[in-house]
Amino acid sequence: MRKVIVSNIVSVDGFIAGPQGEIDWFAWSEETADYCKKMLRSVETILFGRKTYELMAGYWPTATEEDPVIFAAMNDLPKVVFSRTLHTVTWRNARLAGSDLGAEINRLKQRSGKDLVIFGSGSLVAALTELGLIDDYRFFVTPVILGSGKTQFTPLNERCDLKLVESRTFETGVVLLRYERKLP
């Protein structure tokens, strides 16, 4: 069975974006790019909520100064968009998901192939955490305190226990914390 991976940058105080949605505070380097390229080679599909889809679809198709491997993966990999308000998606290899979130994710997980990854998409992450459908959480904790912003776990009705399976410090001070969901 394929896994659902969350791969998100977070501030020390737990935000995935600043108060106006800004994400310009991530400390990117060749070292973090290498990690991301390796991760992108291990996945087959990208999952997005509406807001992150719109942000990424507005950037990646015309990005000119990005790593060619990351550029190709972001544009060529299949993308599934979860939205109650979008009626069409235009980014290459993107499609809108069905209305039943749990059923759609379970169907995707049952297919053979590589894993699925979520970038950003806080509401989607929260909903899938509630449903117990995320297998692997990868947080790139950036050495910045934002004070306020967007979190990826609001609202959660139940606690989700995790087990640390990897940690790594990058030269920029970014710390990768990788967790798997503890099974009951």
C-alpha atoms as a PDB file:
ATOM      1  CA  MET A   1       0.000   0.000   0.000  1.00  0.00           C
ATOM      2  CA  ARG A   2       1.236   3.475  -0.853  1.00  0.00           C
ATOM      3  CA  LYS A   3       1.874   5.999   1.909  1.00  0.00           C
ATOM      4  CA  VAL A   4       0.690   9.573   2.257  1.00  0.00           C
ATOM      5  CA  ILE A   5       3.606  11.858   3.169  1.00  0.00           C
ATOM      6  CA  VAL A   6       3.314  15.427   4.433  1.00  0.00           C
ATOM      7  CA  SER A   7       6.391  17.481   3.595  1.00  0.00           C
ATOM      8  CA  ASN A   8       6.117  20.998   4.999  1.00  0.00           C
ATOM      9  CA  ILE A   9       8.279  23.845   6.133  1.00  0.00           C
ATOM     10  CA  VAL A  10       7.362  25.139   9.570  1.00  0.00           C
ATOM     11  CA  SER A  11       8.570  27.956  11.752  1.00  0.00           C
ATOM     12  CA  VAL A  12       9.883  27.213  15.242  1.00  0.00           C
ATOM     13  CA  ASP A  13       6.482  28.306  16.546  1.00  0.00           C
ATOM     14  CA  GLY A  14       4.660  25.879  14.257  1.00  0.00           C
ATOM     15  CA  PHE A  15       3.373  27.974  11.358  1.00  0.00           C
ATOM     16  CA  ILE A  16       3.475  26.894   7.694  1.00  0.00           C
ATOM     17  CA  ALA A  17       2.925  30.436   6.423  1.00  0.00           C
ATOM     18  CA  GLY A  18       3.035  33.927   7.827  1.00  0.00           C
ATOM     19  CA  PRO A  19      -0.010  36.086   8.631  1.00  0.00           C
ATOM     20  CA  GLN A  20      -0.452  37.102   4.955  1.00  0.00           C
ATOM     21  CA  GLY A  21       0.428  33.636   3.652  1.00  0.00           C
ATOM     22  CA  GLU A  22       4.094  34.477   3.077  1.00  0.00           C
ATOM     23  CA  ILE A  23       6.608  31.639   2.839  1.00  0.00           C
ATOM     24  CA  ASP A  24       9.716  33.707   2.062  1.00  0.00           C
ATOM     25  CA  TRP A  25      11.366  32.763   5.369  1.00  0.00           C
ATOM     26  CA  PHE A  26      12.444  29.211   4.509  1.00  0.00           C
ATOM     27  CA  ALA A  27      16.227  28.754   4.553  1.00  0.00           C
ATOM     28  CA  TRP A  28      16.737  26.956   1.217  1.00  0.00           C
ATOM     29  CA  SER A  29      20.135  25.546   0.246  1.00  0.00           C
ATOM     30  CA  GLU A  30      21.699  23.016  -2.092  1.00  0.00           C
ATOM     31  CA  GLU A  31      21.582  20.533   0.789  1.00  0.00           C
ATOM     32  CA  THR A  32      17.820  20.904   1.332  1.00  0.00           C
ATOM     33  CA  ALA A  33      17.302  20.836  -2.441  1.00  0.00           C
ATOM     34  CA  ASP A  34      19.138  17.494  -2.634  1.00  0.00           C
ATOM     35  CA  TYR A  35      16.908  16.074   0.091  1.00  0.00           C
ATOM     36  CA  CYS A  36      13.794  17.317  -1.713  1.00  0.00           C
ATOM     37  CA  LYS A  37      14.929  15.881  -5.058  1.00  0.00           C
ATOM     38  CA  LYS A  38      15.449  12.491  -3.438  1.00  0.00           C
ATOM     39  CA  MET A  39      11.994  12.665  -1.857  1.00  0.00           C
ATOM     40  CA  LEU A  40      10.390  13.723  -5.157  1.00  0.00           C
ATOM     41  CA  ARG A  41      11.911  10.658  -6.855  1.00  0.00           C
ATOM     42  CA  SER A  42      10.144   8.465  -4.267  1.00  0.00           C
ATOM     43  CA  VAL A  43       6.638   9.820  -4.921  1.00  0.00           C
ATOM     44  CA  GLU A  44       4.228   9.476  -7.779  1.00  0.00           C
ATOM     45  CA  THR A  45       1.441  11.934  -7.001  1.00  0.00           C
ATOM     46  CA  ILE A  46       1.192  15.346  -5.321  1.00  0.00           C
ATOM     47  CA  LEU A  47      -1.900  16.170  -3.261  1.00  0.00           C
ATOM     48  CA  PHE A  48      -3.005  19.793  -2.851  1.00  0.00           C
ATOM     49  CA  GLY A  49      -5.685  21.798  -1.141  1.00  0.00           C
ATOM     50  CA  ARG A  50      -7.118  24.700  -3.146  1.00  0.00           C
ATOM     51  CA  LYS A  51      -4.984  27.533  -1.760  1.00  0.00           C
ATOM     52  CA  THR A  52      -1.676  25.720  -2.152  1.00  0.00           C
ATOM     53  CA  TYR A  53      -2.690  24.465  -5.597  1.00  0.00           C
ATOM     54  CA  GLU A  54      -3.428  28.027  -6.739  1.00  0.00           C
ATOM     55  CA  LEU A  55      -0.101  29.265  -5.329  1.00  0.00           C
ATOM     56  CA  MET A  56       1.922  26.448  -6.902  1.00  0.00           C
ATOM     57  CA  ALA A  57       0.041  26.502 -10.236  1.00  0.00           C
ATOM     58  CA  GLY A  58       0.770  30.215 -10.452  1.00  0.00           C
ATOM     59  CA  TYR A  59       4.490  29.654  -9.922  1.00  0.00           C
ATOM     60  CA  TRP A  60       5.843  26.330 -11.204  1.00  0.00           C
ATOM     61  CA  PRO A  61       4.712  26.270 -14.859  1.00  0.00           C
ATOM     62  CA  THR A  62       6.800  29.364 -15.604  1.00  0.00           C
ATOM     63  CA  ALA A  63       9.532  29.143 -12.951  1.00  0.00           C
ATOM     64  CA  THR A  64      12.825  30.003 -14.623  1.00  0.00           C
ATOM     65  CA  GLU A  65      15.440  29.901 -11.888  1.00  0.00           C
ATOM     66  CA  GLU A  66      14.637  26.593 -10.237  1.00  0.00           C
ATOM     67  CA  ASP A  67      16.526  23.326 -10.166  1.00  0.00           C
ATOM     68  CA  PRO A  68      15.578  21.420 -13.355  1.00  0.00           C
ATOM     69  CA  VAL A  69      14.871  18.190 -11.433  1.00  0.00           C
ATOM     70  CA  ILE A  70      12.477  19.918  -9.016  1.00  0.00           C
ATOM     71  CA  PHE A  71      10.949  21.944 -11.866  1.00  0.00           C
ATOM     72  CA  ALA A  72      10.263  18.782 -13.877  1.00  0.00           C
ATOM     73  CA  ALA A  73       8.828  16.886 -10.905  1.00  0.00           C
ATOM     74  CA  MET A  74       6.500  19.711  -9.892  1.00  0.00           C
ATOM     75  CA  ASN A  75       5.197  20.097 -13.423  1.00  0.00           C
ATOM     76  CA  ASP A  76       5.183  16.486 -14.616  1.00  0.00           C
ATOM     77  CA  LEU A  77       3.959  14.500 -11.605  1.00  0.00           C
ATOM     78  CA  PRO A  78       0.205  13.850 -11.407  1.00  0.00           C
ATOM     79  CA  LYS A  79      -1.555  16.259  -9.048  1.00  0.00           C
ATOM     80  CA  VAL A  80      -4.847  15.724  -7.219  1.00  0.00           C
ATOM     81  CA  VAL A  81      -6.574  18.874  -5.975  1.00  0.00           C
ATOM     82  CA  PHE A  82      -9.098  18.819  -3.134  1.00  0.00           C
ATOM     83  CA  SER A  83     -11.461  21.780  -3.290  1.00  0.00           C
ATOM     84  CA  ARG A  84     -15.100  22.586  -2.672  1.00  0.00           C
ATOM     85  CA  THR A  85     -14.924  25.779  -4.740  1.00  0.00           C
ATOM     86  CA  LEU A  86     -12.790  25.064  -7.818  1.00  0.00           C
ATOM     87  CA  HIS A  87     -14.598  23.722 -10.860  1.00  0.00           C
ATOM     88  CA  THR A  88     -11.562  23.288 -13.100  1.00  0.00           C
ATOM     89  CA  VAL A  89      -7.805  22.978 -12.771  1.00  0.00           C
ATOM     90  CA  THR A  90      -5.401  23.926 -15.535  1.00  0.00           C
ATOM     91  CA  TRP A  91      -1.920  22.912 -14.353  1.00  0.00           C
ATOM     92  CA  ARG A  92      -0.509  20.029 -16.383  1.00  0.00           C
ATOM     93  CA  ASN A  93      -1.390  16.568 -14.989  1.00  0.00           C
ATOM     94  CA  ALA A  94      -3.776  18.034 -12.385  1.00  0.00           C
ATOM     95  CA  ARG A  95      -7.297  16.843 -11.687  1.00  0.00           C
ATOM     96  CA  LEU A  96      -9.972  17.656  -9.152  1.00  0.00           C
ATOM     97  CA  ALA A  97     -10.674  14.984  -6.554  1.00  0.00           C
ATOM     98  CA  GLY A  98     -14.051  13.503  -5.853  1.00  0.00           C
ATOM     99  CA  SER A  99     -16.162  14.896  -3.042  1.00  0.00           C
ATOM    100  CA  ASP A 100     -15.467  12.084  -0.537  1.00  0.00           C
ATOM    101  CA  LEU A 101     -12.000  12.892   0.836  1.00  0.00           C
ATOM    102  CA  GLY A 102     -11.491   9.648   2.758  1.00  0.00           C
ATOM    103  CA  ALA A 103     -12.660   7.436  -0.096  1.00  0.00           C
ATOM    104  CA  GLU A 104     -10.473   9.283  -2.607  1.00  0.00           C
ATOM    105  CA  ILE A 105      -7.341   8.977  -0.454  1.00  0.00           C
ATOM    106  CA  ASN A 106      -8.018   5.319   0.343  1.00  0.00           C
ATOM    107  CA  ARG A 107      -8.466   4.621  -3.371  1.00  0.00           C
ATOM    108  CA  LEU A 108      -5.167   6.365  -4.173  1.00  0.00           C
ATOM    109  CA  LYS A 109      -3.358   4.506  -1.381  1.00  0.00           C
ATOM    110  CA  GLN A 110      -4.604   1.134  -2.673  1.00  0.00           C
ATOM    111  CA  ARG A 111      -3.117   1.608  -6.128  1.00  0.00           C
ATOM    112  CA  SER A 112       0.289   0.148  -6.815  1.00  0.00           C
ATOM    113  CA  GLY A 113       3.183   2.504  -7.297  1.00  0.00           C
ATOM    114  CA  LYS A 114       5.165   5.119  -5.435  1.00  0.00           C
ATOM    115  CA  ASP A 115       3.977   7.186  -2.476  1.00  0.00           C
ATOM    116  CA  LEU A 116       1.834  10.344  -2.400  1.00  0.00           C
ATOM    117  CA  VAL A 117       3.010  13.693  -1.007  1.00  0.00           C
ATOM    118  CA  ILE A 118       1.272  16.797   0.330  1.00  0.00           C
ATOM    119  CA  PHE A 119       2.975  20.195   0.263  1.00  0.00           C
ATOM    120  CA  GLY A 120       1.441  23.039   2.295  1.00  0.00           C
ATOM    121  CA  SER A 121      -2.322  22.501   2.217  1.00  0.00           C
ATOM    122  CA  GLY A 122      -2.941  22.964   5.950  1.00  0.00           C
ATOM    123  CA  SER A 123      -6.685  22.261   5.813  1.00  0.00           C
ATOM    124  CA  LEU A 124      -6.074  19.068   3.833  1.00  0.00           C
ATOM    125  CA  VAL A 125      -3.365  17.969   6.284  1.00  0.00           C
ATOM    126  CA  ALA A 126      -5.708  18.566   9.237  1.00  0.00           C
ATOM    127  CA  ALA A 127      -8.583  16.678   7.604  1.00  0.00           C
ATOM    128  CA  LEU A 128      -6.415  13.691   6.661  1.00  0.00           C
ATOM    129  CA  THR A 129      -4.805  13.646  10.115  1.00  0.00           C
ATOM    130  CA  GLU A 130      -8.306  13.433  11.611  1.00  0.00           C
ATOM    131  CA  LEU A 131      -9.102  10.520   9.307  1.00  0.00           C
ATOM    132  CA  GLY A 132      -5.854   8.730  10.218  1.00  0.00           C
ATOM    133  CA  LEU A 133      -4.753   8.696   6.575  1.00  0.00           C
ATOM    134  CA  ILE A 134      -1.329  10.342   6.838  1.00  0.00           C
ATOM    135  CA  ASP A 135       1.511   7.888   7.333  1.00  0.00           C
ATOM    136  CA  ASP A 136       4.627  10.059   7.325  1.00  0.00           C
ATOM    137  CA  TYR A 137       5.087  13.657   8.529  1.00  0.00           C
ATOM    138  CA  ARG A 138       8.240  15.516   7.449  1.00  0.00           C
ATOM    139  CA  PHE A 139       8.659  18.925   9.032  1.00  0.00           C
ATOM    140  CA  PHE A 140      11.486  21.217   7.968  1.00  0.00           C
ATOM    141  CA  VAL A 141      11.723  23.396  11.074  1.00  0.00           C
ATOM    142  CA  THR A 142      13.182  26.734  10.024  1.00  0.00           C
ATOM    143  CA  PRO A 143      15.033  28.900  12.564  1.00  0.00           C
ATOM    144  CA  VAL A 144      12.499  31.716  12.588  1.00  0.00           C
ATOM    145  CA  ILE A 145       9.707  32.684  14.973  1.00  0.00           C
ATOM    146  CA  LEU A 146       6.785  34.230  13.083  1.00  0.00           C
ATOM    147  CA  GLY A 147       4.536  35.047  16.034  1.00  0.00           C
ATOM    148  CA  SER A 148       1.398  34.385  14.010  1.00  0.00           C
ATOM    149  CA  GLY A 149       0.369  32.797  10.762  1.00  0.00           C
ATOM    150  CA  LYS A 150      -1.249  29.707   9.314  1.00  0.00           C
ATOM    151  CA  THR A 151      -1.033  26.357  11.070  1.00  0.00           C
ATOM    152  CA  GLN A 152      -1.634  22.978   9.478  1.00  0.00           C
ATOM    153  CA  PHE A 153      -3.441  21.321  12.369  1.00  0.00           C
ATOM    154  CA  THR A 154      -6.453  23.476  13.089  1.00  0.00           C
ATOM    155  CA  PRO A 155      -8.905  22.182  13.975  1.00  0.00           C
ATOM    156  CA  LEU A 156      -8.144  18.697  15.267  1.00  0.00           C
ATOM    157  CA  ASN A 157     -10.684  16.925  17.416  1.00  0.00           C
ATOM    158  CA  GLU A 158      -8.358  14.160  18.580  1.00  0.00           C
ATOM    159  CA  ARG A 159      -4.709  13.836  19.437  1.00  0.00           C
ATOM    160  CA  CYS A 160      -2.473  12.079  16.912  1.00  0.00           C
ATOM    161  CA  ASP A 161       0.499  10.281  18.470  1.00  0.00           C
ATOM    162  CA  LEU A 162       3.662  10.143  16.392  1.00  0.00           C
ATOM    163  CA  LYS A 163       6.968   8.276  16.502  1.00  0.00           C
ATOM    164  CA  LEU A 164      10.220  10.025  15.510  1.00  0.00           C
ATOM    165  CA  VAL A 165      11.939   8.020  12.757  1.00  0.00           C
ATOM    166  CA  GLU A 166      14.506  10.523  11.469  1.00  0.00           C
ATOM    167  CA  SER A 167      16.061  13.828  12.404  1.00  0.00           C
ATOM    168  CA  ARG A 168      18.649  15.787  10.511  1.00  0.00           C
ATOM    169  CA  THR A 169      20.208  19.219  10.819  1.00  0.00           C
ATOM    170  CA  PHE A 170      21.023  21.092   7.615  1.00  0.00           C
ATOM    171  CA  GLU A 171      23.817  23.650   7.274  1.00  0.00           C
ATOM    172  CA  THR A 172      21.251  26.489   7.234  1.00  0.00           C
ATOM    173  CA  GLY A 173      20.011  25.585  10.706  1.00  0.00           C
ATOM    174  CA  VAL A 174      16.877  23.929   9.318  1.00  0.00           C
ATOM    175  CA  VAL A 175      16.066  20.738  11.222  1.00  0.00           C
ATOM    176  CA  LEU A 176      14.162  17.919   9.549  1.00  0.00           C
ATOM    177  CA  LEU A 177      11.880  16.068  11.951  1.00  0.00           C
ATOM    178  CA  ARG A 178      10.313  13.010  10.357  1.00  0.00           C
ATOM    179  CA  TYR A 179       7.537  11.171  12.165  1.00  0.00           C
ATOM    180  CA  GLU A 180       5.337   8.194  11.467  1.00  0.00           C
ATOM    181  CA  ARG A 181       1.865   7.855  12.895  1.00  0.00           C
ATOM    182  CA  LYS A 182       1.744   5.511  15.873  1.00  0.00           C
ATOM    183  CA  LEU A 183      -0.774   2.779  15.280  1.00  0.00           C
ATOM    184  CA  PRO A 184      -3.107   1.854  18.162  1.00  0.00           C
END
